[in-house]
Amino acid sequence: MKREIIKTLDGSTTIRLPEWDECYHSKHGAIQEAKHVFIKNGLSLFENPVTILEIGFGTGLNAFITFLESVRKEQTIDYVGVEAYPVEGDEILEMNYAEELEALEFSNIFEKMHKSQWDEKTEISSRFSLTKRKQFFHEINDFEIFDLIYFDAFGYRVQPDLWSTEIFQKMYNSLKPGGVLVTYAARGVVKRSMIAVGFTVEKLAGPPGKREMFRALKNPLK
């Protein structure tokens, strides 16, 4: 499938699949979307330490922004990113995230994330560890390991099977009690799948270019 590098409206890059008319990140702003959905409405809810599962490691943008947050907040993070089809090295070289995030001093960290071995835990820094798992989402069988899930799969329009009750059951099982899943999605069919497996679903304001998004809670604490 043909792939092309494009700039999104906030100046940050992403990968576009013309055949699907689908991007790895929002064309309205890759960095803005990541910060709004996954940091503001996800990571910010947690204190030290936190375990994170990312569904769709992709370009590594979400992991990199999360690393920067770990530096800013002195937060210890154990990060697991699942990806069935890893992004190629030459495409990674064209991603401008360190520059756009004004974090050029950490550009070596972004490179280290992508050069780290698959299916092995890598100490990215004293506070941030990364495990990239080359795995299909339906193969995930973790049980009550994660505090937070970044659900960043390709959209329902092009891959509805990734948003099924079966997949969300695996997400629910993977979270600790009181855990949280955040996603850019806000379709009714997605909400129904989440509720069917036991999640309590909140509808929140979406990132630039998108009116709404979902945050799902497992056994929300009273």
N, C-alpha and C. Protein backbone atom coordinates (compact mmCIF):
# COMPACT_ATOMS: atom_id res chain seq x y z
N MET A 1 0.84 -1.19 0.00
CA MET A 1 0.00 0.00 0.00
C MET A 1 0.88 1.25 0.00
N LYS A 2 0.56 2.20 -0.88
CA LYS A 2 1.34 3.43 -0.98
C LYS A 2 1.23 4.25 0.30
N ARG A 3 2.35 4.89 0.67
CA ARG A 3 2.41 5.71 1.87
C ARG A 3 3.11 7.02 1.51
N GLU A 4 2.67 8.11 2.14
CA GLU A 4 3.31 9.39 1.89
C GLU A 4 3.40 10.18 3.17
N ILE A 5 4.47 10.99 3.30
CA ILE A 5 4.66 11.86 4.44
C ILE A 5 3.98 13.19 4.16
N ILE A 6 3.15 13.64 5.09
CA ILE A 6 2.49 14.94 4.92
C ILE A 6 2.68 15.77 6.18
N LYS A 7 2.51 17.09 6.04
CA LYS A 7 2.49 17.97 7.20
C LYS A 7 1.05 18.21 7.60
N THR A 8 0.80 18.14 8.91
CA THR A 8 -0.54 18.44 9.43
C THR A 8 -0.63 19.93 9.74
N LEU A 9 -1.81 20.39 10.13
CA LEU A 9 -2.05 21.83 10.25
C LEU A 9 -1.26 22.51 11.36
N ASP A 10 -0.74 21.74 12.33
CA ASP A 10 0.09 22.37 13.36
C ASP A 10 1.58 22.33 13.01
N GLY A 11 1.90 21.88 11.78
CA GLY A 11 3.28 21.85 11.32
C GLY A 11 3.98 20.53 11.53
N SER A 12 3.39 19.62 12.31
CA SER A 12 4.01 18.32 12.56
C SER A 12 3.63 17.34 11.46
N THR A 13 4.50 16.36 11.26
CA THR A 13 4.32 15.40 10.17
C THR A 13 3.50 14.19 10.60
N THR A 14 3.01 13.49 9.60
CA THR A 14 2.39 12.18 9.81
C THR A 14 2.50 11.38 8.52
N ILE A 15 2.04 10.15 8.57
CA ILE A 15 2.04 9.28 7.39
C ILE A 15 0.60 9.13 6.91
N ARG A 16 0.40 9.29 5.61
CA ARG A 16 -0.93 9.15 5.01
C ARG A 16 -0.95 7.95 4.09
N LEU A 17 -2.05 7.20 4.12
CA LEU A 17 -2.28 6.07 3.23
C LEU A 17 -3.33 6.50 2.22
N PRO A 18 -2.92 6.92 1.02
CA PRO A 18 -3.88 7.47 0.04
C PRO A 18 -5.00 6.50 -0.32
N GLU A 19 -4.70 5.22 -0.39
CA GLU A 19 -5.72 4.24 -0.79
C GLU A 19 -6.90 4.23 0.18
N TRP A 20 -6.62 4.48 1.45
CA TRP A 20 -7.66 4.52 2.47
C TRP A 20 -8.10 5.95 2.79
N ASP A 21 -7.34 6.93 2.32
CA ASP A 21 -7.52 8.32 2.75
C ASP A 21 -7.50 8.39 4.28
N GLU A 22 -6.48 7.76 4.86
CA GLU A 22 -6.35 7.64 6.31
C GLU A 22 -4.94 8.03 6.72
N CYS A 23 -4.83 8.74 7.85
CA CYS A 23 -3.53 9.17 8.37
C CYS A 23 -3.25 8.51 9.72
N TYR A 24 -1.97 8.41 10.05
CA TYR A 24 -1.59 7.89 11.36
C TYR A 24 -2.03 8.83 12.47
N HIS A 25 -2.06 10.12 12.19
CA HIS A 25 -2.47 11.12 13.17
C HIS A 25 -3.42 12.10 12.48
N SER A 26 -4.05 12.94 13.27
CA SER A 26 -5.01 13.89 12.71
C SER A 26 -4.34 14.87 11.75
N LYS A 27 -4.94 15.06 10.59
CA LYS A 27 -4.42 16.04 9.63
C LYS A 27 -4.61 17.47 10.14
N HIS A 28 -5.43 17.62 11.18
CA HIS A 28 -5.64 18.94 11.78
C HIS A 28 -4.53 19.30 12.77
N GLY A 29 -3.63 18.35 13.03
CA GLY A 29 -2.52 18.60 13.94
C GLY A 29 -2.14 17.36 14.71
N ALA A 30 -1.06 16.69 14.28
CA ALA A 30 -0.65 15.44 14.92
C ALA A 30 -0.28 15.66 16.38
N ILE A 31 0.55 16.66 16.64
CA ILE A 31 1.00 16.92 18.01
C ILE A 31 -0.17 17.40 18.87
N GLN A 32 -0.98 18.31 18.33
CA GLN A 32 -2.13 18.80 19.11
C GLN A 32 -3.06 17.67 19.51
N GLU A 33 -3.31 16.74 18.58
CA GLU A 33 -4.19 15.61 18.88
C GLU A 33 -3.61 14.75 19.99
N ALA A 34 -2.31 14.41 19.87
CA ALA A 34 -1.67 13.55 20.87
C ALA A 34 -1.72 14.18 22.25
N LYS A 35 -1.41 15.46 22.33
CA LYS A 35 -1.41 16.14 23.62
C LYS A 35 -2.80 16.20 24.23
N HIS A 36 -3.80 16.47 23.40
CA HIS A 36 -5.17 16.62 23.91
C HIS A 36 -5.76 15.28 24.34
N VAL A 37 -5.68 14.29 23.46
CA VAL A 37 -6.35 13.01 23.73
C VAL A 37 -5.60 12.21 24.79
N PHE A 38 -4.30 12.04 24.61
CA PHE A 38 -3.57 11.08 25.44
C PHE A 38 -2.91 11.68 26.68
N ILE A 39 -2.47 12.93 26.60
CA ILE A 39 -1.83 13.56 27.76
C ILE A 39 -2.86 14.27 28.63
N LYS A 40 -3.56 15.25 28.07
CA LYS A 40 -4.52 16.02 28.86
C LYS A 40 -5.63 15.15 29.44
N ASN A 41 -6.19 14.25 28.63
CA ASN A 41 -7.34 13.46 29.07
C ASN A 41 -6.99 12.05 29.52
N GLY A 42 -5.69 11.73 29.54
CA GLY A 42 -5.26 10.40 29.98
C GLY A 42 -4.16 10.47 31.03
N LEU A 43 -2.95 10.74 30.61
CA LEU A 43 -1.80 10.70 31.51
C LEU A 43 -1.93 11.66 32.68
N SER A 44 -2.53 12.80 32.45
CA SER A 44 -2.63 13.82 33.51
C SER A 44 -3.44 13.34 34.72
N LEU A 45 -4.21 12.26 34.56
CA LEU A 45 -5.02 11.74 35.66
C LEU A 45 -4.21 10.95 36.67
N PHE A 46 -2.97 10.60 36.31
CA PHE A 46 -2.20 9.65 37.12
C PHE A 46 -0.99 10.29 37.78
N GLU A 47 -0.70 9.77 38.96
CA GLU A 47 0.52 10.15 39.67
C GLU A 47 1.60 9.12 39.36
N ASN A 48 2.64 9.14 40.11
CA ASN A 48 3.80 8.28 39.91
C ASN A 48 3.62 6.93 40.62
N PRO A 49 4.02 5.80 40.03
CA PRO A 49 4.40 5.59 38.63
C PRO A 49 3.16 5.22 37.82
N VAL A 50 3.31 5.03 36.51
CA VAL A 50 2.18 4.67 35.66
C VAL A 50 2.63 3.69 34.59
N THR A 51 1.79 2.70 34.32
CA THR A 51 2.04 1.74 33.25
C THR A 51 1.06 2.02 32.11
N ILE A 52 1.58 2.10 30.88
CA ILE A 52 0.79 2.51 29.72
C ILE A 52 0.89 1.46 28.62
N LEU A 53 -0.25 1.16 28.01
CA LEU A 53 -0.31 0.32 26.81
C LEU A 53 -0.79 1.19 25.66
N GLU A 54 -0.01 1.26 24.59
CA GLU A 54 -0.45 1.99 23.41
C GLU A 54 -0.85 1.01 22.32
N ILE A 55 -2.05 1.19 21.83
CA ILE A 55 -2.57 0.36 20.74
C ILE A 55 -2.34 1.12 19.44
N GLY A 56 -1.26 0.75 18.73
CA GLY A 56 -0.86 1.41 17.51
C GLY A 56 0.35 2.30 17.73
N PHE A 57 1.53 1.69 17.93
CA PHE A 57 2.75 2.47 18.23
C PHE A 57 3.11 3.42 17.09
N GLY A 58 2.93 2.95 15.85
CA GLY A 58 3.06 3.81 14.67
C GLY A 58 4.35 4.58 14.58
N THR A 59 4.23 5.91 14.49
CA THR A 59 5.40 6.78 14.31
C THR A 59 6.17 7.01 15.61
N GLY A 60 5.60 6.60 16.74
CA GLY A 60 6.25 6.84 18.03
C GLY A 60 5.96 8.19 18.63
N LEU A 61 5.08 8.97 18.00
CA LEU A 61 4.78 10.31 18.50
C LEU A 61 4.21 10.28 19.92
N ASN A 62 3.23 9.42 20.16
CA ASN A 62 2.62 9.38 21.48
C ASN A 62 3.62 8.97 22.56
N ALA A 63 4.47 8.02 22.22
CA ALA A 63 5.51 7.58 23.17
C ALA A 63 6.48 8.72 23.46
N PHE A 64 6.87 9.45 22.42
CA PHE A 64 7.85 10.53 22.58
C PHE A 64 7.27 11.66 23.43
N ILE A 65 6.04 12.06 23.16
CA ILE A 65 5.41 13.11 23.96
C ILE A 65 5.25 12.65 25.41
N THR A 66 4.94 11.37 25.60
CA THR A 66 4.81 10.84 26.96
C THR A 66 6.16 10.86 27.68
N PHE A 67 7.22 10.53 26.94
CA PHE A 67 8.57 10.63 27.52
C PHE A 67 8.85 12.07 27.97
N LEU A 68 8.53 13.04 27.14
CA LEU A 68 8.76 14.44 27.50
C LEU A 68 7.98 14.82 28.75
N GLU A 69 6.77 14.28 28.89
CA GLU A 69 5.99 14.52 30.10
C GLU A 69 6.65 13.89 31.32
N SER A 70 7.26 12.72 31.13
CA SER A 70 7.94 12.07 32.26
C SER A 70 9.11 12.91 32.74
N VAL A 71 9.76 13.61 31.81
CA VAL A 71 10.86 14.51 32.17
C VAL A 71 10.30 15.72 32.91
N ARG A 72 9.24 16.31 32.36
CA ARG A 72 8.67 17.53 32.93
C ARG A 72 8.11 17.30 34.33
N LYS A 73 7.45 16.16 34.52
CA LYS A 73 6.78 15.89 35.79
C LYS A 73 7.58 14.98 36.72
N GLU A 74 8.77 14.55 36.26
CA GLU A 74 9.57 13.58 37.02
C GLU A 74 8.73 12.36 37.35
N GLN A 75 8.08 11.84 36.32
CA GLN A 75 7.15 10.73 36.47
C GLN A 75 7.78 9.45 35.91
N THR A 76 7.66 8.37 36.64
CA THR A 76 8.19 7.08 36.19
C THR A 76 7.13 6.37 35.36
N ILE A 77 7.50 5.99 34.14
CA ILE A 77 6.55 5.41 33.21
C ILE A 77 7.11 4.13 32.59
N ASP A 78 6.29 3.08 32.63
CA ASP A 78 6.59 1.82 31.95
C ASP A 78 5.64 1.75 30.75
N TYR A 79 6.19 1.86 29.56
CA TYR A 79 5.39 2.07 28.34
C TYR A 79 5.51 0.85 27.44
N VAL A 80 4.36 0.33 27.01
CA VAL A 80 4.32 -0.79 26.06
C VAL A 80 3.56 -0.35 24.82
N GLY A 81 4.19 -0.45 23.67
CA GLY A 81 3.56 -0.08 22.41
C GLY A 81 3.38 -1.29 21.51
N VAL A 82 2.15 -1.53 21.08
CA VAL A 82 1.85 -2.69 20.22
C VAL A 82 1.68 -2.21 18.79
N GLU A 83 2.34 -2.89 17.87
CA GLU A 83 2.28 -2.53 16.45
C GLU A 83 2.49 -3.77 15.61
N ALA A 84 1.55 -4.05 14.72
CA ALA A 84 1.67 -5.22 13.85
C ALA A 84 2.52 -4.94 12.62
N TYR A 85 2.53 -3.68 12.16
CA TYR A 85 3.24 -3.31 10.94
C TYR A 85 4.13 -2.10 11.23
N PRO A 86 5.36 -2.34 11.72
CA PRO A 86 6.24 -1.23 12.11
C PRO A 86 6.53 -0.26 10.97
N VAL A 87 6.66 1.01 11.33
CA VAL A 87 7.01 2.06 10.38
C VAL A 87 8.48 1.88 9.97
N GLU A 88 8.77 2.12 8.69
CA GLU A 88 10.12 1.94 8.18
C GLU A 88 11.05 3.05 8.67
N GLY A 89 12.34 2.72 8.72
CA GLY A 89 13.34 3.66 9.23
C GLY A 89 13.44 4.95 8.46
N ASP A 90 13.33 4.89 7.12
CA ASP A 90 13.46 6.11 6.33
C ASP A 90 12.27 7.04 6.57
N GLU A 91 11.10 6.48 6.89
CA GLU A 91 9.94 7.30 7.21
C GLU A 91 10.13 7.98 8.56
N ILE A 92 10.71 7.28 9.50
CA ILE A 92 10.95 7.84 10.83
C ILE A 92 11.88 9.05 10.73
N LEU A 93 12.86 8.98 9.84
CA LEU A 93 13.81 10.09 9.68
C LEU A 93 13.12 11.36 9.21
N GLU A 94 11.95 11.22 8.58
CA GLU A 94 11.23 12.39 8.08
C GLU A 94 10.24 12.99 9.09
N MET A 95 10.12 12.34 10.24
CA MET A 95 9.22 12.87 11.27
C MET A 95 9.92 14.04 11.98
N ASN A 96 9.24 15.16 12.16
CA ASN A 96 9.86 16.38 12.68
C ASN A 96 9.42 16.69 14.11
N TYR A 97 9.13 15.65 14.89
CA TYR A 97 8.52 15.87 16.20
C TYR A 97 9.44 16.59 17.18
N ALA A 98 10.71 16.23 17.23
CA ALA A 98 11.63 16.88 18.17
C ALA A 98 11.71 18.38 17.89
N GLU A 99 11.75 18.73 16.61
CA GLU A 99 11.81 20.14 16.23
C GLU A 99 10.52 20.86 16.59
N GLU A 100 9.38 20.30 16.22
CA GLU A 100 8.10 20.97 16.46
C GLU A 100 7.74 21.04 17.95
N LEU A 101 8.25 20.11 18.73
CA LEU A 101 8.01 20.10 20.17
C LEU A 101 9.05 20.91 20.92
N GLU A 102 9.96 21.54 20.16
CA GLU A 102 11.06 22.31 20.75
C GLU A 102 11.83 21.45 21.75
N ALA A 103 12.14 20.23 21.31
CA ALA A 103 12.83 19.26 22.16
C ALA A 103 13.99 18.62 21.40
N LEU A 104 14.74 19.45 20.67
CA LEU A 104 15.84 18.91 19.87
C LEU A 104 16.90 18.23 20.72
N GLU A 105 17.01 18.65 22.00
CA GLU A 105 17.99 18.01 22.87
C GLU A 105 17.63 16.56 23.17
N PHE A 106 16.38 16.18 22.86
CA PHE A 106 15.94 14.80 23.07
C PHE A 106 15.72 14.04 21.75
N SER A 107 16.23 14.57 20.65
CA SER A 107 16.07 13.89 19.36
C SER A 107 16.72 12.50 19.39
N ASN A 108 17.78 12.36 20.18
CA ASN A 108 18.43 11.05 20.31
C ASN A 108 17.51 10.05 21.00
N ILE A 109 16.62 10.54 21.87
CA ILE A 109 15.67 9.66 22.55
C ILE A 109 14.65 9.11 21.55
N PHE A 110 14.16 9.97 20.67
CA PHE A 110 13.22 9.51 19.64
C PHE A 110 13.87 8.44 18.77
N GLU A 111 15.13 8.65 18.39
CA GLU A 111 15.85 7.66 17.61
C GLU A 111 16.05 6.37 18.39
N LYS A 112 16.36 6.50 19.68
CA LYS A 112 16.57 5.32 20.52
C LYS A 112 15.31 4.49 20.62
N MET A 113 14.17 5.15 20.69
CA MET A 113 12.90 4.42 20.75
C MET A 113 12.72 3.54 19.52
N HIS A 114 13.04 4.09 18.37
CA HIS A 114 12.82 3.34 17.13
C HIS A 114 13.91 2.31 16.86
N LYS A 115 15.09 2.53 17.40
CA LYS A 115 16.18 1.57 17.21
C LYS A 115 16.14 0.44 18.23
N SER A 116 15.36 0.60 19.29
CA SER A 116 15.28 -0.44 20.32
C SER A 116 14.69 -1.72 19.73
N GLN A 117 15.12 -2.84 20.29
CA GLN A 117 14.69 -4.14 19.79
C GLN A 117 13.21 -4.40 20.09
N TRP A 118 12.56 -5.08 19.17
CA TRP A 118 11.17 -5.46 19.38
C TRP A 118 11.11 -6.57 20.42
N ASP A 119 10.05 -6.54 21.23
CA ASP A 119 9.76 -7.57 22.23
C ASP A 119 10.81 -7.65 23.33
N GLU A 120 11.53 -6.56 23.54
CA GLU A 120 12.48 -6.46 24.65
C GLU A 120 12.29 -5.12 25.36
N LYS A 121 12.35 -5.13 26.69
CA LYS A 121 12.24 -3.87 27.43
C LYS A 121 13.55 -3.10 27.31
N THR A 122 13.44 -1.81 26.97
CA THR A 122 14.59 -0.93 26.84
C THR A 122 14.46 0.23 27.82
N GLU A 123 15.53 0.50 28.57
CA GLU A 123 15.54 1.65 29.46
C GLU A 123 15.88 2.88 28.63
N ILE A 124 14.87 3.66 28.29
CA ILE A 124 15.08 4.86 27.49
C ILE A 124 15.73 5.95 28.33
N SER A 125 15.34 6.03 29.60
CA SER A 125 15.94 6.94 30.56
C SER A 125 15.77 6.33 31.94
N SER A 126 16.23 7.01 32.97
CA SER A 126 16.09 6.47 34.32
C SER A 126 14.63 6.40 34.76
N ARG A 127 13.75 7.14 34.09
CA ARG A 127 12.34 7.17 34.46
C ARG A 127 11.40 6.54 33.42
N PHE A 128 11.92 6.23 32.25
CA PHE A 128 11.05 5.79 31.15
C PHE A 128 11.59 4.52 30.52
N SER A 129 10.78 3.46 30.58
CA SER A 129 11.13 2.20 29.90
C SER A 129 10.13 1.95 28.78
N LEU A 130 10.62 1.34 27.72
CA LEU A 130 9.79 1.08 26.53
C LEU A 130 9.92 -0.37 26.10
N THR A 131 8.78 -1.00 25.89
CA THR A 131 8.73 -2.32 25.27
C THR A 131 7.85 -2.22 24.04
N LYS A 132 8.43 -2.45 22.86
CA LYS A 132 7.65 -2.48 21.62
C LYS A 132 7.32 -3.93 21.32
N ARG A 133 6.04 -4.21 21.16
CA ARG A 133 5.62 -5.58 20.86
C ARG A 133 5.06 -5.65 19.44
N LYS A 134 5.69 -6.47 18.62
CA LYS A 134 5.20 -6.69 17.26
C LYS A 134 4.11 -7.75 17.34
N GLN A 135 2.87 -7.28 17.29
CA GLN A 135 1.76 -8.13 17.68
C GLN A 135 0.46 -7.59 17.08
N PHE A 136 -0.43 -8.50 16.68
CA PHE A 136 -1.77 -8.08 16.28
C PHE A 136 -2.59 -7.82 17.55
N PHE A 137 -3.53 -6.90 17.44
CA PHE A 137 -4.28 -6.50 18.62
C PHE A 137 -5.09 -7.66 19.21
N HIS A 138 -5.58 -8.55 18.34
CA HIS A 138 -6.39 -9.66 18.85
C HIS A 138 -5.54 -10.70 19.58
N GLU A 139 -4.21 -10.55 19.53
CA GLU A 139 -3.31 -11.47 20.23
C GLU A 139 -2.98 -11.00 21.65
N ILE A 140 -3.43 -9.83 22.03
CA ILE A 140 -3.14 -9.28 23.35
C ILE A 140 -3.91 -10.05 24.42
N ASN A 141 -3.18 -10.54 25.42
CA ASN A 141 -3.82 -11.31 26.49
C ASN A 141 -3.32 -10.90 27.87
N ASP A 142 -2.98 -9.63 28.05
CA ASP A 142 -2.52 -9.15 29.35
C ASP A 142 -3.69 -9.12 30.34
N PHE A 143 -3.38 -9.24 31.62
CA PHE A 143 -4.44 -9.21 32.63
C PHE A 143 -4.07 -8.27 33.77
N GLU A 144 -4.83 -7.18 33.87
CA GLU A 144 -4.71 -6.20 34.95
C GLU A 144 -3.26 -5.74 35.17
N ILE A 145 -2.63 -5.33 34.07
CA ILE A 145 -1.24 -4.86 34.11
C ILE A 145 -1.16 -3.34 34.00
N PHE A 146 -2.05 -2.73 33.23
CA PHE A 146 -1.89 -1.34 32.84
C PHE A 146 -2.83 -0.39 33.59
N ASP A 147 -2.31 0.82 33.86
CA ASP A 147 -3.13 1.88 34.43
C ASP A 147 -3.90 2.63 33.34
N LEU A 148 -3.28 2.71 32.16
CA LEU A 148 -3.79 3.60 31.11
C LEU A 148 -3.56 2.98 29.74
N ILE A 149 -4.55 3.08 28.87
CA ILE A 149 -4.42 2.62 27.48
C ILE A 149 -4.63 3.80 26.56
N TYR A 150 -3.66 4.01 25.66
CA TYR A 150 -3.83 4.93 24.53
C TYR A 150 -4.35 4.09 23.37
N PHE A 151 -5.62 4.24 23.02
CA PHE A 151 -6.18 3.45 21.92
C PHE A 151 -6.14 4.29 20.66
N ASP A 152 -5.12 4.04 19.83
CA ASP A 152 -4.84 4.89 18.67
C ASP A 152 -4.77 4.07 17.38
N ALA A 153 -5.70 3.14 17.25
CA ALA A 153 -5.77 2.32 16.04
C ALA A 153 -6.29 3.15 14.87
N PHE A 154 -6.10 2.64 13.63
CA PHE A 154 -6.70 3.28 12.48
C PHE A 154 -8.21 3.35 12.67
N GLY A 155 -8.85 4.31 12.03
CA GLY A 155 -10.24 4.61 12.28
C GLY A 155 -11.23 3.49 11.94
N TYR A 156 -12.39 3.56 12.57
CA TYR A 156 -13.46 2.58 12.35
C TYR A 156 -13.84 2.49 10.88
N ARG A 157 -13.80 3.59 10.19
CA ARG A 157 -14.21 3.62 8.78
C ARG A 157 -13.40 2.64 7.93
N VAL A 158 -12.10 2.50 8.23
CA VAL A 158 -11.24 1.65 7.40
C VAL A 158 -10.93 0.30 8.04
N GLN A 159 -10.97 0.23 9.38
CA GLN A 159 -10.69 -1.04 10.05
C GLN A 159 -11.65 -1.25 11.23
N PRO A 160 -12.92 -1.50 10.93
CA PRO A 160 -13.92 -1.65 11.99
C PRO A 160 -13.62 -2.80 12.94
N ASP A 161 -12.90 -3.84 12.47
CA ASP A 161 -12.60 -5.00 13.31
C ASP A 161 -11.71 -4.64 14.49
N LEU A 162 -10.96 -3.54 14.38
CA LEU A 162 -10.10 -3.12 15.49
C LEU A 162 -10.87 -2.44 16.60
N TRP A 163 -12.15 -2.18 16.37
CA TRP A 163 -13.00 -1.47 17.34
C TRP A 163 -14.15 -2.37 17.82
N SER A 164 -13.93 -3.67 17.76
CA SER A 164 -14.98 -4.64 18.08
C SER A 164 -15.07 -4.89 19.58
N THR A 165 -16.17 -5.53 19.98
CA THR A 165 -16.34 -5.94 21.37
C THR A 165 -15.22 -6.88 21.79
N GLU A 166 -14.79 -7.75 20.89
CA GLU A 166 -13.69 -8.68 21.20
C GLU A 166 -12.42 -7.92 21.59
N ILE A 167 -12.08 -6.88 20.82
CA ILE A 167 -10.87 -6.10 21.11
C ILE A 167 -11.03 -5.32 22.41
N PHE A 168 -12.19 -4.73 22.63
CA PHE A 168 -12.37 -3.95 23.86
C PHE A 168 -12.44 -4.84 25.09
N GLN A 169 -12.84 -6.09 24.92
CA GLN A 169 -12.77 -7.02 26.05
C GLN A 169 -11.32 -7.24 26.46
N LYS A 170 -10.45 -7.35 25.48
CA LYS A 170 -9.01 -7.50 25.76
C LYS A 170 -8.46 -6.25 26.44
N MET A 171 -8.93 -5.08 26.01
CA MET A 171 -8.49 -3.83 26.64
C MET A 171 -8.96 -3.78 28.09
N TYR A 172 -10.19 -4.15 28.33
CA TYR A 172 -10.76 -4.15 29.68
C TYR A 172 -9.96 -5.09 30.58
N ASN A 173 -9.68 -6.28 30.06
CA ASN A 173 -8.92 -7.26 30.84
C ASN A 173 -7.51 -6.77 31.16
N SER A 174 -6.92 -6.01 30.25
CA SER A 174 -5.54 -5.55 30.39
C SER A 174 -5.39 -4.47 31.47
N LEU A 175 -6.46 -3.73 31.74
CA LEU A 175 -6.41 -2.63 32.69
C LEU A 175 -6.55 -3.11 34.13
N LYS A 176 -5.84 -2.43 35.03
CA LYS A 176 -6.06 -2.63 36.45
C LYS A 176 -7.44 -2.06 36.81
N PRO A 177 -8.04 -2.51 37.92
CA PRO A 177 -9.27 -1.86 38.38
C PRO A 177 -9.03 -0.36 38.58
N GLY A 178 -9.95 0.45 38.08
CA GLY A 178 -9.78 1.89 38.12
C GLY A 178 -8.98 2.44 36.95
N GLY A 179 -8.58 1.55 36.03
CA GLY A 179 -7.80 1.98 34.86
C GLY A 179 -8.62 2.76 33.86
N VAL A 180 -7.92 3.40 32.93
CA VAL A 180 -8.55 4.32 31.98
C VAL A 180 -8.08 4.00 30.55
N LEU A 181 -9.00 4.08 29.61
CA LEU A 181 -8.69 4.01 28.18
C LEU A 181 -9.13 5.32 27.54
N VAL A 182 -8.24 5.92 26.76
CA VAL A 182 -8.60 7.14 26.02
C VAL A 182 -8.39 6.91 24.53
N THR A 183 -9.27 7.51 23.74
CA THR A 183 -9.18 7.39 22.29
C THR A 183 -9.78 8.63 21.63
N TYR A 184 -9.31 8.90 20.43
CA TYR A 184 -9.84 10.03 19.65
C TYR A 184 -11.24 9.75 19.12
N ALA A 185 -11.67 8.49 19.14
CA ALA A 185 -12.93 8.09 18.51
C ALA A 185 -14.14 8.57 19.30
N ALA A 186 -15.27 8.73 18.61
CA ALA A 186 -16.51 9.13 19.28
C ALA A 186 -17.74 8.59 18.55
N ARG A 187 -17.61 7.43 17.91
CA ARG A 187 -18.75 6.82 17.23
C ARG A 187 -19.65 6.07 18.20
N GLY A 188 -20.93 6.07 17.93
CA GLY A 188 -21.87 5.36 18.77
C GLY A 188 -21.59 3.87 18.84
N VAL A 189 -21.20 3.27 17.72
CA VAL A 189 -20.93 1.84 17.69
C VAL A 189 -19.73 1.49 18.56
N VAL A 190 -18.75 2.39 18.63
CA VAL A 190 -17.58 2.18 19.49
C VAL A 190 -18.00 2.25 20.96
N LYS A 191 -18.80 3.23 21.29
CA LYS A 191 -19.29 3.37 22.66
C LYS A 191 -20.06 2.13 23.10
N ARG A 192 -20.90 1.61 22.22
CA ARG A 192 -21.69 0.43 22.57
C ARG A 192 -20.80 -0.78 22.83
N SER A 193 -19.72 -0.92 22.03
CA SER A 193 -18.78 -2.03 22.25
C SER A 193 -18.07 -1.89 23.59
N MET A 194 -17.69 -0.67 23.94
CA MET A 194 -17.03 -0.43 25.22
C MET A 194 -17.95 -0.76 26.39
N ILE A 195 -19.19 -0.28 26.31
CA ILE A 195 -20.15 -0.51 27.40
C ILE A 195 -20.45 -2.00 27.53
N ALA A 196 -20.50 -2.72 26.41
CA ALA A 196 -20.84 -4.15 26.43
C ALA A 196 -19.85 -4.98 27.24
N VAL A 197 -18.59 -4.53 27.32
CA VAL A 197 -17.58 -5.30 28.06
C VAL A 197 -17.39 -4.80 29.49
N GLY A 198 -18.12 -3.74 29.87
CA GLY A 198 -18.08 -3.29 31.25
C GLY A 198 -17.54 -1.89 31.49
N PHE A 199 -17.07 -1.22 30.45
CA PHE A 199 -16.55 0.13 30.62
C PHE A 199 -17.68 1.12 30.93
N THR A 200 -17.34 2.14 31.72
CA THR A 200 -18.16 3.34 31.84
C THR A 200 -17.55 4.38 30.92
N VAL A 201 -18.32 4.93 30.00
CA VAL A 201 -17.78 5.77 28.93
C VAL A 201 -18.18 7.22 29.12
N GLU A 202 -17.18 8.09 29.03
CA GLU A 202 -17.40 9.53 29.08
C GLU A 202 -17.17 10.12 27.69
N LYS A 203 -17.99 11.06 27.29
CA LYS A 203 -17.78 11.80 26.05
C LYS A 203 -17.18 13.15 26.42
N LEU A 204 -16.01 13.45 25.85
CA LEU A 204 -15.27 14.67 26.16
C LEU A 204 -15.10 15.51 24.91
N ALA A 205 -14.74 16.76 25.09
CA ALA A 205 -14.41 17.62 23.94
C ALA A 205 -13.22 17.04 23.20
N GLY A 206 -13.28 17.03 21.87
CA GLY A 206 -12.23 16.44 21.06
C GLY A 206 -11.09 17.40 20.79
N PRO A 207 -10.05 16.90 20.12
CA PRO A 207 -8.92 17.74 19.73
C PRO A 207 -9.31 18.64 18.56
N PRO A 208 -8.42 19.56 18.14
CA PRO A 208 -8.73 20.42 17.00
C PRO A 208 -9.20 19.61 15.78
N GLY A 209 -10.29 20.05 15.19
CA GLY A 209 -10.83 19.37 14.01
C GLY A 209 -11.79 18.24 14.32
N LYS A 210 -11.98 17.94 15.60
CA LYS A 210 -12.87 16.85 15.99
C LYS A 210 -13.70 17.29 17.19
N ARG A 211 -15.00 17.17 17.12
CA ARG A 211 -15.86 17.72 18.16
C ARG A 211 -15.77 16.96 19.47
N GLU A 212 -15.69 15.61 19.40
CA GLU A 212 -15.76 14.80 20.61
C GLU A 212 -14.75 13.66 20.60
N MET A 213 -14.52 13.07 21.78
CA MET A 213 -13.68 11.90 21.95
C MET A 213 -14.22 11.11 23.14
N PHE A 214 -13.72 9.86 23.31
CA PHE A 214 -14.18 9.03 24.42
C PHE A 214 -13.06 8.78 25.44
N ARG A 215 -13.48 8.70 26.70
CA ARG A 215 -12.62 8.17 27.76
C ARG A 215 -13.43 7.09 28.48
N ALA A 216 -12.85 5.89 28.60
CA ALA A 216 -13.55 4.76 29.19
C ALA A 216 -12.87 4.35 30.49
N LEU A 217 -13.67 4.10 31.53
CA LEU A 217 -13.17 3.78 32.86
C LEU A 217 -13.55 2.34 33.23
N LYS A 218 -12.58 1.63 33.79
CA LYS A 218 -12.84 0.27 34.27
C LYS A 218 -13.15 0.33 35.76
N ASN A 219 -14.32 -0.15 36.15
CA ASN A 219 -14.71 -0.15 37.55
C ASN A 219 -14.34 1.17 38.21
N PRO A 220 -14.86 2.31 37.71
CA PRO A 220 -14.44 3.59 38.25
C PRO A 220 -14.59 3.65 39.76
N LEU A 221 -13.54 4.18 40.40
CA LEU A 221 -13.51 4.23 41.85
C LEU A 221 -14.46 5.32 42.35
N LYS A 222 -15.18 5.03 43.42
CA LYS A 222 -16.16 5.98 43.99
C LYS A 222 -15.41 7.03 44.81
